[in-house]
PDB file of all heavy atoms in Angstrom:
ATOM      1  N   VAL A   1     -45.378 -11.327 -47.144  1.00  0.00           N
ATOM      2  CA  VAL A   1     -43.916 -11.426 -47.190  1.00  0.00           C
ATOM      3  C   VAL A   1     -43.504 -12.864 -47.492  1.00  0.00           C
ATOM      4  O   VAL A   1     -44.181 -13.814 -47.098  1.00  0.00           O
ATOM      5  CB  VAL A   1     -43.262 -10.962 -45.868  1.00  0.00           C
ATOM      6  CG1 VAL A   1     -43.527  -9.490 -45.623  1.00  0.00           C
ATOM      7  CG2 VAL A   1     -43.757 -11.785 -44.694  1.00  0.00           C
ATOM      8  N   GLY A   2     -42.366 -12.982 -48.174  1.00  0.00           N
ATOM      9  CA  GLY A   2     -41.858 -14.313 -48.460  1.00  0.00           C
ATOM     10  C   GLY A   2     -41.189 -14.937 -47.260  1.00  0.00           C
ATOM     11  O   GLY A   2     -41.398 -16.112 -46.954  1.00  0.00           O
ATOM     12  N   GLU A   3     -40.392 -14.147 -46.570  1.00  0.00           N
ATOM     13  CA  GLU A   3     -39.709 -14.600 -45.360  1.00  0.00           C
ATOM     14  C   GLU A   3     -39.557 -13.418 -44.417  1.00  0.00           C
ATOM     15  O   GLU A   3     -39.378 -12.270 -44.854  1.00  0.00           O
ATOM     16  CB  GLU A   3     -38.329 -15.189 -45.700  1.00  0.00           C
ATOM     17  CG  GLU A   3     -37.515 -15.676 -44.516  1.00  0.00           C
ATOM     18  CD  GLU A   3     -38.086 -16.913 -43.823  1.00  0.00           C
ATOM     19  OE1 GLU A   3     -39.316 -17.055 -43.783  1.00  0.00           O
ATOM     20  OE2 GLU A   3     -37.298 -17.710 -43.300  1.00  0.00           O
ATOM     21  N   ASN A   4     -39.641 -13.700 -43.097  1.00  0.00           N
ATOM     22  CA  ASN A   4     -39.597 -12.629 -42.114  1.00  0.00           C
ATOM     23  C   ASN A   4     -38.654 -12.956 -40.978  1.00  0.00           C
ATOM     24  O   ASN A   4     -38.817 -13.954 -40.292  1.00  0.00           O
ATOM     25  CB  ASN A   4     -41.001 -12.369 -41.545  1.00  0.00           C
ATOM     26  CG  ASN A   4     -40.991 -11.328 -40.453  1.00  0.00           C
ATOM     27  OD1 ASN A   4     -40.403 -10.263 -40.625  1.00  0.00           O
ATOM     28  ND2 ASN A   4     -41.632 -11.633 -39.331  1.00  0.00           N
ATOM     29  N   ASP A   5     -37.670 -12.091 -40.775  1.00  0.00           N
ATOM     30  CA  ASP A   5     -36.805 -12.146 -39.604  1.00  0.00           C
ATOM     31  C   ASP A   5     -36.842 -10.826 -38.852  1.00  0.00           C
ATOM     32  O   ASP A   5     -35.930 -10.512 -38.085  1.00  0.00           O
ATOM     33  CB  ASP A   5     -35.364 -12.469 -40.015  1.00  0.00           C
ATOM     34  CG  ASP A   5     -35.203 -13.918 -40.444  1.00  0.00           C
ATOM     35  OD1 ASP A   5     -35.761 -14.800 -39.766  1.00  0.00           O
ATOM     36  OD2 ASP A   5     -34.541 -14.167 -41.468  1.00  0.00           O
ATOM     37  N   GLY A   6     -37.897 -10.053 -39.105  1.00  0.00           N
ATOM     38  CA  GLY A   6     -38.058  -8.768 -38.437  1.00  0.00           C
ATOM     39  C   GLY A   6     -39.353  -8.710 -37.647  1.00  0.00           C
ATOM     40  O   GLY A   6     -39.799  -9.713 -37.090  1.00  0.00           O
ATOM     41  N   THR A   7     -39.997  -7.548 -37.632  1.00  0.00           N
ATOM     42  CA  THR A   7     -41.218  -7.318 -36.871  1.00  0.00           C
ATOM     43  C   THR A   7     -42.331  -6.870 -37.804  1.00  0.00           C
ATOM     44  O   THR A   7     -42.147  -5.932 -38.588  1.00  0.00           O
ATOM     45  CB  THR A   7     -41.002  -6.243 -35.791  1.00  0.00           C
ATOM     46  OG1 THR A   7     -39.937  -6.654 -34.921  1.00  0.00           O
ATOM     47  CG2 THR A   7     -42.268  -6.041 -34.977  1.00  0.00           C
ATOM     48  N   ILE A   8     -43.486  -7.530 -37.720  1.00  0.00           N
ATOM     49  CA  ILE A   8     -44.635  -7.170 -38.540  1.00  0.00           C
ATOM     50  C   ILE A   8     -45.815  -6.915 -37.608  1.00  0.00           C
ATOM     51  O   ILE A   8     -46.204  -7.789 -36.833  1.00  0.00           O
ATOM     52  CB  ILE A   8     -44.978  -8.278 -39.545  1.00  0.00           C
ATOM     53  CG1 ILE A   8     -43.798  -8.514 -40.493  1.00  0.00           C
ATOM     54  CG2 ILE A   8     -46.232  -7.927 -40.333  1.00  0.00           C
ATOM     55  CD1 ILE A   8     -44.015  -9.646 -41.481  1.00  0.00           C
ATOM     56  N   THR A   9     -46.383  -5.710 -37.690  1.00  0.00           N
ATOM     57  CA  THR A   9     -47.464  -5.311 -36.797  1.00  0.00           C
ATOM     58  C   THR A   9     -48.659  -4.796 -37.600  1.00  0.00           C
ATOM     59  O   THR A   9     -48.512  -3.885 -38.425  1.00  0.00           O
ATOM     60  CB  THR A   9     -46.996  -4.203 -35.833  1.00  0.00           C
ATOM     61  OG1 THR A   9     -45.841  -4.642 -35.107  1.00  0.00           O
ATOM     62  CG2 THR A   9     -48.103  -3.833 -34.857  1.00  0.00           C
ATOM     63  N   ALA A  10     -49.817  -5.390 -37.378  1.00  0.00           N
ATOM     64  CA  ALA A  10     -51.076  -4.911 -37.963  1.00  0.00           C
ATOM     65  C   ALA A  10     -51.002  -4.781 -39.480  1.00  0.00           C
ATOM     66  O   ALA A  10     -51.404  -3.764 -40.047  1.00  0.00           O
ATOM     67  CB  ALA A  10     -51.482  -3.578 -37.330  1.00  0.00           C
ATOM     68  N   CYS A  11     -50.505  -5.818 -40.145  1.00  0.00           N
ATOM     69  CA  CYS A  11     -50.406  -5.827 -41.609  1.00  0.00           C
ATOM     70  C   CYS A  11     -51.274  -6.946 -42.184  1.00  0.00           C
ATOM     71  O   CYS A  11     -51.465  -7.989 -41.544  1.00  0.00           O
ATOM     72  CB  CYS A  11     -48.967  -6.012 -42.049  1.00  0.00           C
ATOM     73  SG  CYS A  11     -47.885  -4.616 -41.635  1.00  0.00           S
ATOM     74  N   PHE A  12     -51.760  -6.755 -43.412  1.00  0.00           N
ATOM     75  CA  PHE A  12     -52.717  -7.672 -44.008  1.00  0.00           C
ATOM     76  C   PHE A  12     -52.393  -7.952 -45.471  1.00  0.00           C
ATOM     77  O   PHE A  12     -51.697  -7.173 -46.129  1.00  0.00           O
ATOM     78  CB  PHE A  12     -54.138  -7.075 -43.939  1.00  0.00           C
ATOM     79  CG  PHE A  12     -54.627  -6.789 -42.556  1.00  0.00           C
ATOM     80  CD1 PHE A  12     -54.379  -5.561 -41.951  1.00  0.00           C
ATOM     81  CD2 PHE A  12     -55.351  -7.742 -41.849  1.00  0.00           C
ATOM     82  CE1 PHE A  12     -54.845  -5.288 -40.668  1.00  0.00           C
ATOM     83  CE2 PHE A  12     -55.812  -7.483 -40.563  1.00  0.00           C
ATOM     84  CZ  PHE A  12     -55.560  -6.257 -39.980  1.00  0.00           C
ATOM     85  N   TRP A  13     -52.943  -9.075 -45.948  1.00  0.00           N
ATOM     86  CA  TRP A  13     -52.944  -9.318 -47.392  1.00  0.00           C
ATOM     87  C   TRP A  13     -54.268  -9.965 -47.775  1.00  0.00           C
ATOM     88  O   TRP A  13     -54.935 -10.574 -46.946  1.00  0.00           O
ATOM     89  CB  TRP A  13     -51.764 -10.189 -47.818  1.00  0.00           C
ATOM     90  CG  TRP A  13     -51.954 -11.670 -47.653  1.00  0.00           C
ATOM     91  CD1 TRP A  13     -52.397 -12.556 -48.597  1.00  0.00           C
ATOM     92  CD2 TRP A  13     -51.684 -12.462 -46.476  1.00  0.00           C
ATOM     93  NE1 TRP A  13     -52.424 -13.834 -48.090  1.00  0.00           N
ATOM     94  CE2 TRP A  13     -51.997 -13.813 -46.793  1.00  0.00           C
ATOM     95  CE3 TRP A  13     -51.225 -12.159 -45.194  1.00  0.00           C
ATOM     96  CZ2 TRP A  13     -51.858 -14.835 -45.870  1.00  0.00           C
ATOM     97  CZ3 TRP A  13     -51.094 -13.184 -44.283  1.00  0.00           C
ATOM     98  CH2 TRP A  13     -51.396 -14.501 -44.614  1.00  0.00           C
ATOM     99  N   ASP A  14     -54.652  -9.796 -49.048  1.00  0.00           N
ATOM    100  CA  ASP A  14     -55.901 -10.349 -49.571  1.00  0.00           C
ATOM    101  C   ASP A  14     -55.639 -11.772 -50.052  1.00  0.00           C
ATOM    102  O   ASP A  14     -54.893 -11.974 -51.021  1.00  0.00           O
ATOM    103  CB  ASP A  14     -56.410  -9.477 -50.722  1.00  0.00           C
ATOM    104  CG  ASP A  14     -57.819  -9.842 -51.164  1.00  0.00           C
ATOM    105  OD1 ASP A  14     -58.121 -11.053 -51.253  1.00  0.00           O
ATOM    106  OD2 ASP A  14     -58.600  -8.930 -51.465  1.00  0.00           O
ATOM    107  N   ILE A  15     -56.220 -12.759 -49.378  1.00  0.00           N
ATOM    108  CA  ILE A  15     -55.952 -14.150 -49.727  1.00  0.00           C
ATOM    109  C   ILE A  15     -56.596 -14.545 -51.052  1.00  0.00           C
ATOM    110  O   ILE A  15     -56.157 -15.505 -51.696  1.00  0.00           O
ATOM    111  CB  ILE A  15     -56.421 -15.105 -48.608  1.00  0.00           C
ATOM    112  CG1 ILE A  15     -57.920 -14.953 -48.354  1.00  0.00           C
ATOM    113  CG2 ILE A  15     -55.632 -14.865 -47.331  1.00  0.00           C
ATOM    114  CD1 ILE A  15     -58.473 -15.922 -47.336  1.00  0.00           C
ATOM    115  N   GLU A  16     -57.612 -13.801 -51.489  1.00  0.00           N
ATOM    116  CA  GLU A  16     -58.281 -14.130 -52.746  1.00  0.00           C
ATOM    117  C   GLU A  16     -57.522 -13.578 -53.948  1.00  0.00           C
ATOM    118  O   GLU A  16     -57.225 -14.314 -54.900  1.00  0.00           O
ATOM    119  CB  GLU A  16     -59.708 -13.588 -52.728  1.00  0.00           C
ATOM    120  CG  GLU A  16     -60.601 -14.234 -51.676  1.00  0.00           C
ATOM    121  CD  GLU A  16     -62.011 -13.681 -51.706  1.00  0.00           C
ATOM    122  OE1 GLU A  16     -62.688 -13.848 -52.749  1.00  0.00           O
ATOM    123  OE2 GLU A  16     -62.440 -13.071 -50.718  1.00  0.00           O
ATOM    124  N   THR A  17     -57.205 -12.296 -53.940  1.00  0.00           N
ATOM    125  CA  THR A  17     -56.529 -11.703 -55.091  1.00  0.00           C
ATOM    126  C   THR A  17     -55.069 -12.123 -55.195  1.00  0.00           C
ATOM    127  O   THR A  17     -54.496 -12.114 -56.287  1.00  0.00           O
ATOM    128  CB  THR A  17     -56.607 -10.168 -55.024  1.00  0.00           C
ATOM    129  OG1 THR A  17     -56.027  -9.708 -53.792  1.00  0.00           O
ATOM    130  CG2 THR A  17     -58.059  -9.699 -55.104  1.00  0.00           C
ATOM    131  N   SER A  18     -54.457 -12.472 -54.068  1.00  0.00           N
ATOM    132  CA  SER A  18     -53.047 -12.882 -54.091  1.00  0.00           C
ATOM    133  C   SER A  18     -52.861 -14.337 -54.488  1.00  0.00           C
ATOM    134  O   SER A  18     -51.757 -14.746 -54.859  1.00  0.00           O
ATOM    135  CB  SER A  18     -52.409 -12.668 -52.715  1.00  0.00           C
ATOM    136  OG  SER A  18     -52.967 -13.558 -51.758  1.00  0.00           O
ATOM    137  N   SER A  19     -53.942 -15.128 -54.377  1.00  0.00           N
ATOM    138  CA  SER A  19     -53.863 -16.583 -54.593  1.00  0.00           C
ATOM    139  C   SER A  19     -52.888 -17.241 -53.617  1.00  0.00           C
ATOM    140  O   SER A  19     -52.319 -18.296 -53.910  1.00  0.00           O
ATOM    141  CB  SER A  19     -53.454 -16.907 -56.044  1.00  0.00           C
ATOM    142  OG  SER A  19     -54.412 -16.408 -56.954  1.00  0.00           O
ATOM    143  N   GLN A  20     -52.701 -16.598 -52.460  1.00  0.00           N
ATOM    144  CA  GLN A  20     -51.819 -17.129 -51.430  1.00  0.00           C
ATOM    145  C   GLN A  20     -52.566 -17.174 -50.098  1.00  0.00           C
ATOM    146  O   GLN A  20     -53.046 -16.150 -49.608  1.00  0.00           O
ATOM    147  CB  GLN A  20     -50.563 -16.270 -51.276  1.00  0.00           C
ATOM    148  CG  GLN A  20     -49.637 -16.282 -52.473  1.00  0.00           C
ATOM    149  CD  GLN A  20     -48.967 -17.625 -52.697  1.00  0.00           C
ATOM    150  OE1 GLN A  20     -48.753 -18.394 -51.762  1.00  0.00           O
ATOM    151  NE2 GLN A  20     -48.624 -17.913 -53.943  1.00  0.00           N
ATOM    152  N   SER A  21     -52.657 -18.359 -49.525  1.00  0.00           N
ATOM    153  CA  SER A  21     -53.335 -18.510 -48.240  1.00  0.00           C
ATOM    154  C   SER A  21     -52.385 -18.390 -47.060  1.00  0.00           C
ATOM    155  O   SER A  21     -52.817 -18.416 -45.908  1.00  0.00           O
ATOM    156  CB  SER A  21     -54.037 -19.882 -48.182  1.00  0.00           C
ATOM    157  OG  SER A  21     -53.085 -20.928 -48.336  1.00  0.00           O
ATOM    158  N   SER A  22     -51.094 -18.243 -47.343  1.00  0.00           N
ATOM    159  CA  SER A  22     -50.120 -18.168 -46.254  1.00  0.00           C
ATOM    160  C   SER A  22     -49.103 -17.066 -46.509  1.00  0.00           C
ATOM    161  O   SER A  22     -48.958 -16.562 -47.628  1.00  0.00           O
ATOM    162  CB  SER A  22     -49.392 -19.512 -46.094  1.00  0.00           C
ATOM    163  OG  SER A  22     -48.664 -19.820 -47.264  1.00  0.00           O
ATOM    164  N   SER A  23     -48.406 -16.713 -45.448  1.00  0.00           N
ATOM    165  CA  SER A  23     -47.364 -15.694 -45.502  1.00  0.00           C
ATOM    166  C   SER A  23     -46.481 -15.888 -44.286  1.00  0.00           C
ATOM    167  O   SER A  23     -46.927 -16.424 -43.261  1.00  0.00           O
ATOM    168  CB  SER A  23     -47.981 -14.297 -45.502  1.00  0.00           C
ATOM    169  OG  SER A  23     -47.002 -13.289 -45.319  1.00  0.00           O
ATOM    170  N   ALA A  24     -45.224 -15.422 -44.376  1.00  0.00           N
ATOM    171  CA  ALA A  24     -44.320 -15.529 -43.233  1.00  0.00           C
ATOM    172  C   ALA A  24     -44.666 -14.532 -42.136  1.00  0.00           C
ATOM    173  O   ALA A  24     -44.054 -14.545 -41.073  1.00  0.00           O
ATOM    174  CB  ALA A  24     -42.875 -15.315 -43.690  1.00  0.00           C
ATOM    175  N   GLY A  25     -45.647 -13.675 -42.370  1.00  0.00           N
ATOM    176  CA  GLY A  25     -46.102 -12.712 -41.367  1.00  0.00           C
ATOM    177  C   GLY A  25     -47.326 -11.994 -41.864  1.00  0.00           C
ATOM    178  O   GLY A  25     -47.674 -12.057 -43.044  1.00  0.00           O
ATOM    179  N   GLY A  26     -48.024 -11.311 -40.977  1.00  0.00           N
ATOM    180  CA  GLY A  26     -49.234 -10.601 -41.345  1.00  0.00           C
ATOM    181  C   GLY A  26     -50.470 -11.465 -41.192  1.00  0.00           C
ATOM    182  O   GLY A  26     -50.399 -12.630 -40.795  1.00  0.00           O
ATOM    183  N   THR A  27     -51.618 -10.901 -41.531  1.00  0.00           N
ATOM    184  CA  THR A  27     -52.899 -11.580 -41.412  1.00  0.00           C
ATOM    185  C   THR A  27     -53.607 -11.601 -42.751  1.00  0.00           C
ATOM    186  O   THR A  27     -53.761 -10.558 -43.390  1.00  0.00           O
ATOM    187  CB  THR A  27     -53.803 -10.860 -40.388  1.00  0.00           C
ATOM    188  OG1 THR A  27     -53.135 -10.816 -39.113  1.00  0.00           O
ATOM    189  CG2 THR A  27     -55.134 -11.576 -40.237  1.00  0.00           C
ATOM    190  N   GLY A  28     -54.027 -12.765 -43.182  1.00  0.00           N
ATOM    191  CA  GLY A  28     -54.752 -12.894 -44.436  1.00  0.00           C
ATOM    192  C   GLY A  28     -56.243 -12.678 -44.244  1.00  0.00           C
ATOM    193  O   GLY A  28     -56.826 -13.177 -43.275  1.00  0.00           O
ATOM    194  N   LYS A  29     -56.862 -11.923 -45.157  1.00  0.00           N
ATOM    195  CA  LYS A  29     -58.290 -11.654 -45.117  1.00  0.00           C
ATOM    196  C   LYS A  29     -58.885 -11.833 -46.509  1.00  0.00           C
ATOM    197  O   LYS A  29     -58.188 -11.685 -47.513  1.00  0.00           O
ATOM    198  CB  LYS A  29     -58.560 -10.210 -44.649  1.00  0.00           C
ATOM    199  CG  LYS A  29     -58.124  -9.913 -43.224  1.00  0.00           C
ATOM    200  CD  LYS A  29     -59.091 -10.498 -42.208  1.00  0.00           C
ATOM    201  CE  LYS A  29     -58.753 -10.061 -40.801  1.00  0.00           C
ATOM    202  NZ  LYS A  29     -59.702 -10.609 -39.797  1.00  0.00           N
ATOM    203  N   ASN A  30     -60.191 -12.147 -46.548  1.00  0.00           N
ATOM    204  CA  ASN A  30     -60.834 -12.189 -47.856  1.00  0.00           C
ATOM    205  C   ASN A  30     -61.094 -10.757 -48.332  1.00  0.00           C
ATOM    206  O   ASN A  30     -60.961  -9.794 -47.574  1.00  0.00           O
ATOM    207  CB  ASN A  30     -62.119 -13.016 -47.821  1.00  0.00           C
ATOM    208  CG  ASN A  30     -63.154 -12.488 -46.833  1.00  0.00           C
ATOM    209  OD1 ASN A  30     -63.287 -11.285 -46.654  1.00  0.00           O
ATOM    210  ND2 ASN A  30     -63.879 -13.395 -46.197  1.00  0.00           N
ATOM    211  N   THR A  31     -61.487 -10.628 -49.603  1.00  0.00           N
ATOM    212  CA  THR A  31     -61.640  -9.299 -50.192  1.00  0.00           C
ATOM    213  C   THR A  31     -62.688  -8.467 -49.471  1.00  0.00           C
ATOM    214  O   THR A  31     -62.495  -7.263 -49.247  1.00  0.00           O
ATOM    215  CB  THR A  31     -62.004  -9.427 -51.678  1.00  0.00           C
ATOM    216  OG1 THR A  31     -60.977 -10.174 -52.355  1.00  0.00           O
ATOM    217  CG2 THR A  31     -62.129  -8.065 -52.339  1.00  0.00           C
ATOM    218  N   ALA A  32     -63.791  -9.085 -49.074  1.00  0.00           N
ATOM    219  CA  ALA A  32     -64.846  -8.339 -48.386  1.00  0.00           C
ATOM    220  C   ALA A  32     -64.334  -7.717 -47.090  1.00  0.00           C
ATOM    221  O   ALA A  32     -64.628  -6.550 -46.785  1.00  0.00           O
ATOM    222  CB  ALA A  32     -66.032  -9.252 -48.104  1.00  0.00           C
ATOM    223  N   ASP A  33     -63.564  -8.465 -46.323  1.00  0.00           N
ATOM    224  CA  ASP A  33     -63.028  -7.934 -45.073  1.00  0.00           C
ATOM    225  C   ASP A  33     -61.957  -6.870 -45.320  1.00  0.00           C
ATOM    226  O   ASP A  33     -61.784  -5.952 -44.508  1.00  0.00           O
ATOM    227  CB  ASP A  33     -62.445  -9.058 -44.224  1.00  0.00           C
ATOM    228  CG  ASP A  33     -63.516  -9.917 -43.567  1.00  0.00           C
ATOM    229  OD1 ASP A  33     -64.641  -9.417 -43.418  1.00  0.00           O
ATOM    230  OD2 ASP A  33     -63.222 -11.076 -43.220  1.00  0.00           O
ATOM    231  N   MET A  34     -61.227  -6.995 -46.434  1.00  0.00           N
ATOM    232  CA  MET A  34     -60.210  -6.003 -46.773  1.00  0.00           C
ATOM    233  C   MET A  34     -60.832  -4.675 -47.192  1.00  0.00           C
ATOM    234  O   MET A  34     -60.135  -3.663 -47.309  1.00  0.00           O
ATOM    235  CB  MET A  34     -59.313  -6.523 -47.895  1.00  0.00           C
ATOM    236  CG  MET A  34     -58.398  -7.661 -47.497  1.00  0.00           C
ATOM    237  SD  MET A  34     -57.014  -7.156 -46.441  1.00  0.00           S
ATOM    238  CE  MET A  34     -56.019  -6.197 -47.585  1.00  0.00           C
ATOM    239  N   MET A  35     -62.133  -4.667 -47.420  1.00  0.00           N
ATOM    240  CA  MET A  35     -62.833  -3.436 -47.798  1.00  0.00           C
ATOM    241  C   MET A  35     -63.729  -2.930 -46.671  1.00  0.00           C
ATOM    242  O   MET A  35     -64.663  -2.158 -46.906  1.00  0.00           O
ATOM    243  CB  MET A  35     -63.647  -3.660 -49.078  1.00  0.00           C
ATOM    244  CG  MET A  35     -62.792  -3.914 -50.301  1.00  0.00           C
ATOM    245  SD  MET A  35     -63.753  -4.002 -51.830  1.00  0.00           S
ATOM    246  CE  MET A  35     -62.438  -4.289 -53.024  1.00  0.00           C
ATOM    247  N   LYS A  36     -63.446  -3.360 -45.426  1.00  0.00           N
ATOM    248  CA  LYS A  36     -64.150  -2.867 -44.253  1.00  0.00           C
ATOM    249  C   LYS A  36     -63.185  -2.054 -43.395  1.00  0.00           C
ATOM    250  O   LYS A  36     -62.118  -2.546 -43.019  1.00  0.00           O
ATOM    251  CB  LYS A  36     -64.694  -4.027 -43.422  1.00  0.00           C
ATOM    252  CG  LYS A  36     -65.826  -4.807 -44.071  1.00  0.00           C
ATOM    253  CD  LYS A  36     -66.260  -5.957 -43.163  1.00  0.00           C
ATOM    254  CE  LYS A  36     -67.367  -6.778 -43.794  1.00  0.00           C
ATOM    255  NZ  LYS A  36     -67.745  -7.937 -42.941  1.00  0.00           N
ATOM    256  N   GLN A  37     -63.558  -0.859 -43.054  1.00  0.00           N
ATOM    257  CA  GLN A  37     -62.675  -0.019 -42.259  1.00  0.00           C
ATOM    258  C   GLN A  37     -62.399  -0.630 -40.893  1.00  0.00           C
ATOM    259  O   GLN A  37     -61.293  -0.511 -40.358  1.00  0.00           O
ATOM    260  CB  GLN A  37     -63.264   1.382 -42.094  1.00  0.00           C
ATOM    261  CG  GLN A  37     -62.360   2.333 -41.329  1.00  0.00           C
ATOM    262  CD  GLN A  37     -62.871   3.757 -41.323  1.00  0.00           C
ATOM    263  OE1 GLN A  37     -63.344   4.254 -42.332  1.00  0.00           O
ATOM    264  NE2 GLN A  37     -62.787   4.426 -40.187  1.00  0.00           N
TER     265      GLN A  37
END
């Protein structure tokens, strides 16, 4: 997300494919971890 004034629970983004190491909410993971159940 670009900016967050709400609630974010158990959400993720791929820090490698997005080319973004930060976000206003959520948890960043590498691609390998994003492909683990």
